[in-house]
Amino acid sequence: MLKKIQQYLLLNHPLLWNIKIVPALLGAFIINIFFFIGGYILTKVDFSYTYSNPFSGAALAYMGAILTSILLFIIWLVFYSKNNAFKSFYPRSSGGLYLEWVLTFVIILGFVSFPFSYHQGSISKVKSYASKSEMIKAIETLNLIKILIPTDKTSYYQEYPTDLPSNSPKYESNMGTKYSDSIEMMTYEDRIEYFESQNISYEDYPNFAQLSLLNYYTLDQFYFSSKCDFTVRNSDTVKKWLIEQNKEEISKLMDAFIALQNKYNLSMNFTKDEWMELVYNPAKYPVGDFNLITPYNYKEEEAKYEYSYYYGSNEKSSTGYYVSYSELEGAYNKIMDAYVDKDEAMALCMVAICMALSISLFVFSFRASSGKAWLIAAISMGLILFVNGILSLAVSSPMDSGVVGPLFYIFVMLVIFSVEIVSVIRKNVGRKAKGKSDIFINHLIWFIPAVPALIFMAIYIFGHDQYSYTSVAYKNKGLYETYQFMDEHIMEFVWGNICLTFVSVWFFIQMILRKWKSLPEQ
């Protein structure tokens, strides 16, 4: 079947036959599907571990994807390089040349997309563990329940009522003679231990205790970025239930957490009634050694190791009670990231497109000139980049400025681009012999996406330098605001440069390349 298609393309569409578009795209499609399935199969969210990596063997898989991309690209390039009508002075239209380059870009993009396909398969597998609505409900349950799992005293400690001034007479009298300046020298943990033994009371705050569920304060267990399209309740809601002594809502929350544990075959070694007795003690809701709970199943050695690695301790609580909170927290953090965090997928997609664009331009420049000219151009460009880097360092060091070196580097590259394009245009206009301009042609093709990026970087670096952090003053406020705008829209500029490259290649072929190709060699 494939042979017949290639025979048809040879007779009717020689460009498509020569570029081997059917076998190349078919092979790229099949292998992308293979890596997607591989990512789906190999990925696992293990609810028995506290902080396991869901992308097991991901580094090896990505390496395999990259090596496969290189291998397929080389095989395709060998066949594609056999025939070159443009190099053989066969009449080619601008549209034909441009279409050929676009098709090579599409084929190469199919080859370099294997890591992206693996990643998408992994993300799909993570999402399969819970729908978005189930994920939101579970995260809210975990976010609410944490206050009712006192794992340590430090998160529940408050020295005195929030609205009581520390320098008030009432505060000083409540401290008594035992409260002296030496207390201030204690460590945080020793101070908690001391005040717990003193059981200090405040007449105007009868329900206040220095160690209490009502004093709970810690960072959220889940990071909710601005990209989240949902909100969940937190410990403030549970504090309100405790203050209102709404035991029914507390009971429902415990039921939801226990159901979540049971869903993934996780366990706790005490009943809901025992849990209620431990934490529901109105109106002070005290916290102490008598009701501390381990947040992970310490009977599982792997869980103990993971917890000790992250928190530096694998000791069980003084009560001996545990719940499987950390296991659920670790797993659902990863599930939430799969739904919310699109940055990694976007980065892989952009890297694939930029790589395909760069490689396709290298291939196109090779086909537009001779292999010898392409090799000399590559070596000379490498030397230019190296020498320019050395000169930039030499210029920046004595002047002791963070922007002079980078700006000098960019300036030199733009000057080289300008000199080379003017030289080629003069040859085209004067109908002079090509000479060594085939090296310039290679450089100019490679410069197409680089020039806008260099200009962007120059404005970005110069704009950033317009604000002095030491004197808190602007050299040029307008330029600094331009830098801020560019800093907030870097991704948009990258996408814009990609689109601009496609437009620029068309004009380069139309206005420069075809006219240059018609010049005499000598």
Protein backbone atom coordinates (compact mmCIF):
# COMPACT_ATOMS: atom_id res chain seq x y z
CA MET A 1 0.00 0.00 0.00
CA LEU A 2 2.76 2.43 0.99
CA LYS A 3 4.71 1.54 -2.14
CA LYS A 4 1.72 2.33 -4.35
CA ILE A 5 1.22 5.69 -2.64
CA GLN A 6 4.87 6.58 -3.17
CA GLN A 7 4.61 5.53 -6.84
CA TYR A 8 1.55 7.77 -7.28
CA LEU A 9 3.33 10.71 -5.64
CA LEU A 10 6.39 10.19 -7.84
CA LEU A 11 4.29 10.52 -10.98
CA ASN A 12 1.91 13.27 -9.84
CA HIS A 13 3.51 15.15 -6.91
CA PRO A 14 7.30 14.74 -7.07
CA LEU A 15 7.87 17.21 -4.22
CA LEU A 16 5.82 15.11 -1.81
CA TRP A 17 7.52 11.95 -3.07
CA ASN A 18 11.01 13.38 -2.67
CA ILE A 19 10.36 14.67 0.84
CA LYS A 20 9.04 11.21 1.82
CA ILE A 21 6.12 12.87 3.54
CA VAL A 22 3.84 9.81 3.74
CA PRO A 23 6.25 7.33 5.38
CA ALA A 24 7.78 10.09 7.53
CA LEU A 25 4.47 11.39 8.91
CA LEU A 26 3.04 7.87 9.26
CA GLY A 27 6.10 6.73 11.21
CA ALA A 28 6.05 9.88 13.39
CA PHE A 29 2.33 9.43 14.10
CA ILE A 30 2.68 5.75 15.07
CA ILE A 31 5.67 6.37 17.35
CA ASN A 32 3.98 9.39 18.97
CA ILE A 33 1.01 7.13 19.75
CA PHE A 34 3.45 4.53 21.11
CA PHE A 35 5.06 7.05 23.47
CA PHE A 36 1.65 8.38 24.55
CA ILE A 37 0.56 4.84 25.46
CA GLY A 38 3.93 4.24 27.12
CA GLY A 39 3.49 7.36 29.25
CA TYR A 40 0.00 6.23 30.21
CA ILE A 41 1.07 2.70 31.14
CA LEU A 42 4.29 3.57 32.96
CA THR A 43 2.81 6.37 35.06
CA LYS A 44 1.44 5.49 38.46
CA VAL A 45 0.13 7.50 41.40
CA ASP A 46 0.85 5.30 44.40
CA PHE A 47 -1.41 6.15 47.32
CA SER A 48 0.62 4.00 49.68
CA TYR A 49 3.61 6.35 49.52
CA THR A 50 3.73 9.83 50.97
CA TYR A 51 5.90 11.59 48.42
CA SER A 52 6.52 9.17 45.56
CA ASN A 53 7.23 10.38 42.05
CA PRO A 54 4.23 9.59 39.77
CA PHE A 55 6.36 9.59 36.62
CA SER A 56 8.32 6.40 37.32
CA GLY A 57 11.22 5.97 34.91
CA ALA A 58 10.36 9.26 33.23
CA ALA A 59 14.01 10.29 32.76
CA LEU A 60 14.80 7.03 30.98
CA ALA A 61 11.65 7.32 28.85
CA TYR A 62 12.48 10.90 27.83
CA MET A 63 16.01 9.84 26.91
CA GLY A 64 14.59 7.02 24.81
CA ALA A 65 12.23 9.46 23.11
CA ILE A 66 15.10 11.82 22.27
CA LEU A 67 17.29 9.02 20.88
CA THR A 68 14.36 7.72 18.80
CA SER A 69 13.82 11.23 17.43
CA ILE A 70 17.47 11.52 16.40
CA LEU A 71 17.49 8.09 14.78
CA LEU A 72 14.35 8.70 12.72
CA PHE A 73 15.55 12.16 11.71
CA ILE A 74 18.84 10.74 10.39
CA ILE A 75 17.06 7.98 8.44
CA TRP A 76 14.64 10.47 6.89
CA LEU A 77 17.43 12.95 6.09
CA VAL A 78 19.43 10.28 4.24
CA PHE A 79 16.52 9.63 1.86
CA TYR A 80 15.56 13.29 1.59
CA SER A 81 19.12 14.34 0.64
CA LYS A 82 19.30 12.07 -2.40
CA ASN A 83 17.55 14.52 -4.72
CA ASN A 84 17.71 18.32 -4.70
CA ALA A 85 16.11 20.09 -7.63
CA PHE A 86 16.98 23.57 -6.33
CA LYS A 87 20.70 22.76 -6.02
CA SER A 88 20.62 21.28 -9.55
CA PHE A 89 19.24 24.55 -10.95
CA TYR A 90 15.87 23.00 -11.73
CA PRO A 91 13.31 25.85 -12.01
CA ARG A 92 11.58 26.23 -8.64
CA SER A 93 8.94 28.80 -7.73
CA SER A 94 9.02 30.72 -4.45
CA GLY A 95 5.84 28.98 -3.38
CA GLY A 96 7.33 25.56 -4.10
CA LEU A 97 10.47 26.26 -2.09
CA TYR A 98 8.47 27.69 0.78
CA LEU A 99 6.09 24.71 0.78
CA GLU A 100 9.04 22.33 0.84
CA TRP A 101 10.48 24.08 3.90
CA VAL A 102 7.10 24.08 5.67
CA LEU A 103 6.69 20.36 5.02
CA THR A 104 10.16 19.63 6.39
CA PHE A 105 9.21 21.62 9.48
CA VAL A 106 6.03 19.55 9.92
CA ILE A 107 7.94 16.26 9.53
CA ILE A 108 10.69 17.30 11.95
CA LEU A 109 8.07 18.53 14.42
CA GLY A 110 6.54 15.04 14.31
CA PHE A 111 9.96 13.58 15.17
CA VAL A 112 10.77 15.92 18.06
CA SER A 113 7.30 15.59 19.63
CA PHE A 114 7.96 12.18 21.19
CA PRO A 115 8.81 13.58 24.68
CA PHE A 116 5.69 15.74 24.54
CA SER A 117 3.55 12.72 23.66
CA TYR A 118 5.01 10.74 26.56
CA HIS A 119 4.26 13.64 28.92
CA GLN A 120 0.68 13.91 27.70
CA GLY A 121 0.20 10.17 28.24
CA SER A 122 1.51 10.54 31.80
CA ILE A 123 -0.81 13.46 32.52
CA SER A 124 -3.79 11.54 31.12
CA LYS A 125 -3.00 8.62 33.44
CA VAL A 126 -2.77 10.90 36.49
CA LYS A 127 -6.13 12.47 35.61
CA SER A 128 -7.71 9.02 35.30
CA TYR A 129 -7.43 8.54 39.08
CA ALA A 130 -10.06 11.19 39.73
CA SER A 131 -12.31 13.46 37.68
CA LYS A 132 -11.89 17.18 38.18
CA SER A 133 -14.98 17.44 40.38
CA GLU A 134 -13.79 14.48 42.48
CA MET A 135 -10.35 16.06 42.77
CA ILE A 136 -11.78 19.38 43.99
CA LYS A 137 -13.99 17.65 46.53
CA ALA A 138 -11.10 15.51 47.83
CA ILE A 139 -8.73 18.47 48.08
CA GLU A 140 -11.29 20.48 50.01
CA THR A 141 -11.76 17.56 52.42
CA LEU A 142 -7.99 17.29 52.94
CA ASN A 143 -7.66 21.05 53.28
CA LEU A 144 -10.39 21.14 55.95
CA ILE A 145 -9.45 18.02 57.91
CA LYS A 146 -5.81 18.95 58.55
CA ILE A 147 -6.71 21.08 61.57
CA LEU A 148 -8.31 18.01 63.19
CA ILE A 149 -5.10 15.97 62.81
CA PRO A 150 -2.74 17.60 65.35
CA THR A 151 0.65 16.18 64.40
CA ASP A 152 2.66 18.60 66.55
CA LYS A 153 2.10 21.45 69.02
CA THR A 154 3.89 24.22 67.15
CA SER A 155 1.08 24.69 64.63
CA TYR A 156 -1.44 25.15 67.45
CA TYR A 157 0.53 27.46 69.72
CA GLN A 158 -0.39 31.09 70.42
CA GLU A 159 1.22 32.91 73.33
CA TYR A 160 -1.68 35.23 74.14
CA PRO A 161 -5.00 36.34 72.60
CA THR A 162 -4.53 38.11 69.30
CA ASP A 163 -6.24 41.35 70.31
CA LEU A 164 -4.44 41.58 73.66
CA PRO A 165 -1.54 44.10 73.49
CA SER A 166 1.72 42.57 74.57
CA ASN A 167 2.66 45.65 76.60
CA SER A 168 -0.65 45.98 78.45
CA PRO A 169 -0.70 45.75 82.26
CA LYS A 170 -3.19 42.89 82.04
CA TYR A 171 -0.74 40.94 79.87
CA GLU A 172 2.14 41.52 82.28
CA SER A 173 0.05 40.59 85.36
CA ASN A 174 -1.16 37.39 83.74
CA MET A 175 2.41 36.29 83.15
CA GLY A 176 3.17 36.32 86.88
CA THR A 177 6.63 36.32 88.45
CA LYS A 178 7.66 33.15 86.65
CA TYR A 179 7.39 34.91 83.31
CA SER A 180 10.71 36.73 83.08
CA ASP A 181 13.13 37.86 80.43
CA SER A 182 14.66 34.40 80.48
CA ILE A 183 11.55 33.07 78.75
CA GLU A 184 12.40 35.22 75.75
CA MET A 185 15.70 33.35 75.46
CA MET A 186 13.99 29.96 75.16
CA THR A 187 13.64 28.13 71.86
CA TYR A 188 10.19 28.04 70.31
CA GLU A 189 9.64 24.40 71.32
CA ASP A 190 10.85 25.00 74.92
CA ARG A 191 8.54 27.99 75.25
CA ILE A 192 5.57 25.88 74.15
CA GLU A 193 6.51 23.26 76.71
CA TYR A 194 6.85 25.89 79.43
CA PHE A 195 3.50 27.59 78.82
CA GLU A 196 1.76 24.24 78.50
CA SER A 197 2.92 23.42 82.06
CA GLN A 198 1.85 26.85 83.40
CA ASN A 199 -1.74 26.69 82.14
CA ILE A 200 -1.99 30.50 82.14
CA SER A 201 -5.53 31.87 81.99
CA TYR A 202 -7.03 35.19 80.95
CA GLU A 203 -10.14 36.41 82.77
CA ASP A 204 -11.44 38.33 79.77
CA TYR A 205 -10.76 35.37 77.44
CA PRO A 206 -12.12 32.31 79.23
CA ASN A 207 -12.04 30.13 76.11
CA PHE A 208 -8.44 30.97 75.22
CA ALA A 209 -5.74 28.30 75.52
CA GLN A 210 -2.19 28.68 74.32
CA LEU A 211 -2.32 25.22 72.74
CA SER A 212 -5.65 24.85 70.98
CA LEU A 213 -7.23 23.78 67.70
CA LEU A 214 -8.54 27.35 67.48
CA ASN A 215 -4.96 28.66 67.26
CA TYR A 216 -4.16 26.46 64.25
CA TYR A 217 -2.01 28.22 61.71
CA THR A 218 0.16 26.71 58.98
CA LEU A 219 0.78 27.03 55.28
CA ASP A 220 -1.86 25.50 53.03
CA GLN A 221 -1.27 21.83 52.28
CA PHE A 222 -2.05 22.57 48.63
CA TYR A 223 -0.68 25.37 46.47
CA PHE A 224 -3.48 27.14 44.64
CA SER A 225 -2.02 29.27 41.88
CA SER A 226 -3.78 32.13 40.14
CA LYS A 227 -4.45 29.68 37.28
CA CYS A 228 -6.87 27.66 39.42
CA ASP A 229 -10.46 28.03 38.24
CA PHE A 230 -11.86 26.78 41.54
CA THR A 231 -11.71 27.63 45.24
CA VAL A 232 -11.90 25.42 48.31
CA ARG A 233 -12.58 26.11 51.96
CA ASN A 234 -9.78 25.98 54.51
CA SER A 235 -9.21 25.64 58.27
CA ASP A 236 -11.02 28.92 59.00
CA THR A 237 -14.27 27.14 58.13
CA VAL A 238 -13.51 24.37 60.63
CA LYS A 239 -12.55 26.93 63.30
CA LYS A 240 -15.95 28.51 62.80
CA TRP A 241 -17.64 25.12 63.28
CA LEU A 242 -15.60 24.57 66.45
CA ILE A 243 -16.48 27.97 67.87
CA GLU A 244 -20.16 27.39 67.08
CA GLN A 245 -19.80 23.85 68.48
CA ASN A 246 -21.27 22.48 65.27
CA LYS A 247 -20.51 18.85 65.95
CA GLU A 248 -22.65 17.66 63.03
CA GLU A 249 -20.44 19.37 60.42
CA ILE A 250 -17.29 18.10 62.15
CA SER A 251 -18.73 14.58 62.02
CA LYS A 252 -19.56 14.89 58.30
CA LEU A 253 -16.02 16.08 57.60
CA MET A 254 -14.54 13.10 59.41
CA ASP A 255 -16.84 10.77 57.47
CA ALA A 256 -15.70 12.32 54.17
CA PHE A 257 -12.03 11.84 55.10
CA ILE A 258 -12.55 8.24 56.22
CA ALA A 259 -14.44 7.51 52.98
CA LEU A 260 -11.53 8.98 51.02
CA GLN A 261 -9.10 6.70 52.84
CA ASN A 262 -11.29 3.66 52.23
CA LYS A 263 -11.55 4.49 48.51
CA TYR A 264 -7.82 3.86 48.13
CA ASN A 265 -7.55 1.06 50.70
CA LEU A 266 -5.75 3.26 53.21
CA SER A 267 -6.20 2.91 56.94
CA MET A 268 -6.24 4.52 60.37
CA ASN A 269 -5.90 2.68 63.68
CA PHE A 270 -8.76 4.30 65.61
CA THR A 271 -12.48 4.87 65.14
CA LYS A 272 -14.33 8.05 64.33
CA ASP A 273 -15.76 8.14 67.85
CA GLU A 274 -12.28 7.93 69.35
CA TRP A 275 -11.15 10.68 66.98
CA MET A 276 -14.04 12.86 68.09
CA GLU A 277 -13.12 12.35 71.72
CA LEU A 278 -9.53 13.34 71.00
CA VAL A 279 -10.20 16.66 69.28
CA TYR A 280 -13.77 17.77 70.02
CA ASN A 281 -13.41 19.25 73.50
CA PRO A 282 -15.26 22.59 73.62
CA ALA A 283 -14.80 25.34 74.32
CA LYS A 284 -10.98 25.52 74.50
CA TYR A 285 -10.27 22.51 72.22
CA PRO A 286 -6.86 21.89 73.84
CA VAL A 287 -3.93 20.28 72.05
CA GLY A 288 -1.25 18.29 73.80
CA ASP A 289 0.54 14.96 74.00
CA PHE A 290 -2.79 13.31 74.78
CA ASN A 291 -4.26 13.88 71.30
CA LEU A 292 -1.35 14.05 68.83
CA ILE A 293 -1.87 11.95 65.69
CA THR A 294 0.72 10.69 63.18
CA PRO A 295 -0.29 11.87 59.66
CA TYR A 296 0.93 8.71 57.89
CA ASN A 297 0.77 4.96 58.36
CA TYR A 298 3.96 4.46 60.37
CA LYS A 299 3.56 0.69 60.11
CA GLU A 300 4.56 0.94 56.46
CA GLU A 301 8.35 1.15 56.25
CA GLU A 302 8.29 2.95 52.90
CA ALA A 303 5.94 5.61 54.23
CA LYS A 304 8.09 6.02 57.33
CA TYR A 305 11.18 6.50 55.19
CA GLU A 306 9.49 9.02 52.90
CA TYR A 307 8.17 11.04 55.84
CA SER A 308 11.52 11.03 57.62
CA TYR A 309 13.23 12.17 54.42
CA TYR A 310 11.01 15.23 54.08
CA TYR A 311 10.42 16.09 57.75
CA GLY A 312 13.50 14.70 59.48
CA SER A 313 11.47 12.47 61.80
CA ASN A 314 9.78 9.10 61.57
CA GLU A 315 8.57 8.86 65.14
CA LYS A 316 5.00 7.91 65.81
CA SER A 317 2.82 10.16 67.97
CA SER A 318 2.65 9.84 71.75
CA THR A 319 -0.86 8.40 71.48
CA GLY A 320 0.15 5.78 68.90
CA TYR A 321 -2.70 6.84 66.62
CA TYR A 322 -2.21 7.41 62.89
CA VAL A 323 -4.21 8.33 59.80
CA SER A 324 -3.19 8.11 56.12
CA TYR A 325 -3.29 11.85 55.51
CA SER A 326 0.19 12.34 54.03
CA GLU A 327 -0.38 9.57 51.49
CA LEU A 328 -3.56 11.26 50.27
CA GLU A 329 -2.01 14.71 50.33
CA GLY A 330 0.97 13.64 48.22
CA ALA A 331 -1.19 11.84 45.65
CA TYR A 332 -3.79 14.59 45.30
CA ASN A 333 -1.16 17.30 44.99
CA LYS A 334 0.00 15.46 41.86
CA ILE A 335 -3.54 14.97 40.58
CA MET A 336 -4.30 18.66 41.08
CA ASP A 337 -1.09 19.62 39.23
CA ALA A 338 -2.18 17.48 36.29
CA TYR A 339 -5.42 19.48 36.02
CA VAL A 340 -4.09 22.94 36.89
CA ASP A 341 -0.40 23.20 36.00
CA LYS A 342 -0.10 23.52 32.21
CA ASP A 343 3.35 25.13 32.28
CA GLU A 344 5.32 21.91 31.76
CA ALA A 345 3.17 20.82 28.81
CA MET A 346 3.37 24.31 27.31
CA ALA A 347 7.15 24.36 27.77
CA LEU A 348 7.57 20.96 26.09
CA CYS A 349 5.32 22.05 23.22
CA MET A 350 7.24 25.29 22.73
CA VAL A 351 10.61 23.51 22.92
CA ALA A 352 9.44 21.01 20.28
CA ILE A 353 8.28 23.77 17.92
CA CYS A 354 11.43 25.86 18.40
CA MET A 355 13.66 22.82 17.86
CA ALA A 356 11.73 21.79 14.75
CA LEU A 357 11.94 25.36 13.43
CA SER A 358 15.69 25.57 14.03
CA ILE A 359 16.48 22.13 12.59
CA SER A 360 14.27 22.73 9.54
CA LEU A 361 16.15 25.98 8.83
CA PHE A 362 19.48 24.14 9.12
CA VAL A 363 18.21 21.51 6.66
CA PHE A 364 16.82 24.20 4.35
CA SER A 365 20.11 26.11 4.31
CA PHE A 366 21.96 22.87 3.50
CA ARG A 367 19.67 22.31 0.52
CA ALA A 368 19.99 25.92 -0.62
CA SER A 369 23.79 25.79 -0.78
CA SER A 370 26.53 23.17 -1.04
CA GLY A 371 27.58 20.82 1.73
CA LYS A 372 31.04 22.40 1.80
CA ALA A 373 29.60 25.91 2.17
CA TRP A 374 27.22 24.71 4.89
CA LEU A 375 30.08 23.12 6.87
CA ILE A 376 32.27 26.23 6.56
CA ALA A 377 29.29 28.37 7.61
CA ALA A 378 28.68 26.20 10.66
CA ILE A 379 32.34 26.29 11.74
CA SER A 380 32.63 30.02 11.14
CA MET A 381 29.43 30.71 13.10
CA GLY A 382 30.77 28.67 15.99
CA LEU A 383 34.00 30.69 15.96
CA ILE A 384 32.06 33.95 15.78
CA LEU A 385 29.95 33.00 18.78
CA PHE A 386 33.03 31.93 20.78
CA VAL A 387 35.20 34.96 19.97
CA ASN A 388 32.27 37.31 20.49
CA GLY A 389 31.70 35.77 23.91
CA ILE A 390 35.34 36.30 24.89
CA LEU A 391 35.25 39.92 23.70
CA SER A 392 32.01 40.55 25.57
CA LEU A 393 33.56 39.30 28.80
CA ALA A 394 36.62 41.46 28.21
CA VAL A 395 34.48 44.54 27.60
CA SER A 396 32.19 44.01 30.58
CA SER A 397 34.80 43.24 33.27
CA PRO A 398 36.72 46.55 33.41
CA MET A 399 33.55 48.62 33.11
CA ASP A 400 31.94 46.66 35.96
CA SER A 401 28.46 46.73 34.48
CA GLY A 402 26.04 43.86 34.15
CA VAL A 403 24.58 45.05 30.84
CA VAL A 404 27.58 46.19 28.79
CA GLY A 405 28.82 42.66 28.02
CA PRO A 406 25.46 41.22 26.87
CA LEU A 407 24.61 44.37 24.88
CA PHE A 408 28.03 44.28 23.20
CA TYR A 409 27.50 40.62 22.29
CA ILE A 410 24.08 41.37 20.76
CA PHE A 411 25.41 44.45 18.95
CA VAL A 412 28.23 42.47 17.31
CA MET A 413 25.81 39.75 16.13
CA LEU A 414 23.43 42.34 14.64
CA VAL A 415 26.36 44.07 12.90
CA ILE A 416 27.47 40.75 11.38
CA PHE A 417 23.90 40.10 10.19
CA SER A 418 23.69 43.59 8.67
CA VAL A 419 27.04 43.28 6.85
CA GLU A 420 26.15 39.87 5.42
CA ILE A 421 22.67 40.80 4.21
CA VAL A 422 23.93 44.02 2.63
CA SER A 423 26.68 42.05 0.88
CA VAL A 424 24.21 39.52 -0.56
CA ILE A 425 21.75 42.22 -1.64
CA ARG A 426 24.54 44.13 -3.41
CA LYS A 427 25.50 40.98 -5.29
CA ASN A 428 21.87 40.41 -6.29
CA VAL A 429 21.42 43.99 -7.48
CA GLY A 430 24.77 44.17 -9.30
CA ARG A 431 24.43 40.62 -10.71
CA LYS A 432 27.93 39.82 -9.47
CA ALA A 433 29.44 36.37 -9.02
CA LYS A 434 28.51 34.51 -5.84
CA GLY A 435 32.04 34.09 -4.57
CA LYS A 436 31.93 33.24 -0.85
CA SER A 437 28.41 34.56 -0.40
CA ASP A 438 27.08 30.98 -0.12
CA ILE A 439 28.49 31.05 3.41
CA PHE A 440 26.57 34.27 4.08
CA ILE A 441 23.35 32.70 2.75
CA ASN A 442 23.61 29.94 5.35
CA HIS A 443 24.22 32.48 8.09
CA LEU A 444 21.29 34.64 6.97
CA ILE A 445 18.87 31.70 7.01
CA TRP A 446 19.96 30.88 10.55
CA PHE A 447 19.65 34.53 11.53
CA ILE A 448 15.97 34.69 10.52
CA PRO A 449 14.55 33.66 13.93
CA ALA A 450 17.61 34.95 15.83
CA VAL A 451 17.46 38.64 14.86
CA PRO A 452 14.04 39.40 16.46
CA ALA A 453 15.15 37.46 19.55
CA LEU A 454 18.39 39.46 19.77
CA ILE A 455 16.53 42.77 19.42
CA PHE A 456 14.06 41.66 22.11
CA MET A 457 16.91 40.70 24.46
CA ALA A 458 18.69 44.02 23.90
CA ILE A 459 15.59 46.07 24.76
CA TYR A 460 14.82 43.74 27.70
CA ILE A 461 18.33 44.01 29.18
CA PHE A 462 18.59 47.77 28.60
CA GLY A 463 15.12 48.36 30.06
CA HIS A 464 15.91 46.32 33.16
CA ASP A 465 18.95 48.53 33.76
CA GLN A 466 16.81 51.68 33.89
CA TYR A 467 15.92 51.19 37.56
CA SER A 468 18.45 51.52 40.37
CA TYR A 469 17.57 49.26 43.30
CA THR A 470 20.14 50.93 45.55
CA SER A 471 18.95 54.52 45.08
CA VAL A 472 15.33 53.50 44.29
CA ALA A 473 15.25 55.77 41.25
CA TYR A 474 14.60 55.53 37.50
CA LYS A 475 17.08 56.43 34.77
CA ASN A 476 14.25 56.23 32.26
CA LYS A 477 10.85 55.22 33.61
CA GLY A 478 9.36 54.69 30.15
CA LEU A 479 12.02 52.14 29.19
CA TYR A 480 11.64 50.39 32.53
CA GLU A 481 7.88 50.08 32.02
CA THR A 482 8.61 48.64 28.57
CA TYR A 483 10.86 46.05 30.24
CA GLN A 484 8.10 45.18 32.74
CA PHE A 485 5.61 44.70 29.89
CA MET A 486 8.07 42.47 28.03
CA ASP A 487 8.82 40.50 31.19
CA GLU A 488 5.12 39.77 31.67
CA HIS A 489 4.64 38.68 28.05
CA ILE A 490 7.77 36.66 27.23
CA MET A 491 5.74 33.65 26.11
CA GLU A 492 3.67 35.82 23.78
CA PHE A 493 6.87 37.26 22.28
CA VAL A 494 8.24 33.76 21.67
CA TRP A 495 5.04 32.69 19.89
CA GLY A 496 5.11 35.96 17.96
CA ASN A 497 8.69 35.31 16.83
CA ILE A 498 7.70 31.83 15.65
CA CYS A 499 4.93 33.32 13.51
CA LEU A 500 7.26 36.07 12.29
CA THR A 501 9.80 33.44 11.22
CA PHE A 502 7.29 31.82 8.88
CA VAL A 503 6.55 35.20 7.29
CA SER A 504 10.24 36.15 7.10
CA VAL A 505 11.24 32.90 5.38
CA TRP A 506 8.70 33.58 2.64
CA PHE A 507 10.11 37.06 1.96
CA PHE A 508 13.68 35.77 2.16
CA ILE A 509 12.97 33.15 -0.51
CA GLN A 510 11.07 35.60 -2.68
CA MET A 511 13.35 38.63 -2.39
CA ILE A 512 16.84 37.19 -1.81
CA LEU A 513 17.35 33.43 -2.14
CA ARG A 514 16.00 32.79 -5.66
CA LYS A 515 17.79 35.88 -7.06
CA TRP A 516 21.03 34.83 -5.38
CA LYS A 517 20.72 31.28 -6.77
CA SER A 518 20.59 32.67 -10.34
CA LEU A 519 23.96 34.46 -9.92
CA PRO A 520 27.02 33.01 -11.69
CA GLU A 521 29.38 30.99 -9.55
CA GLN A 522 32.49 32.92 -10.59
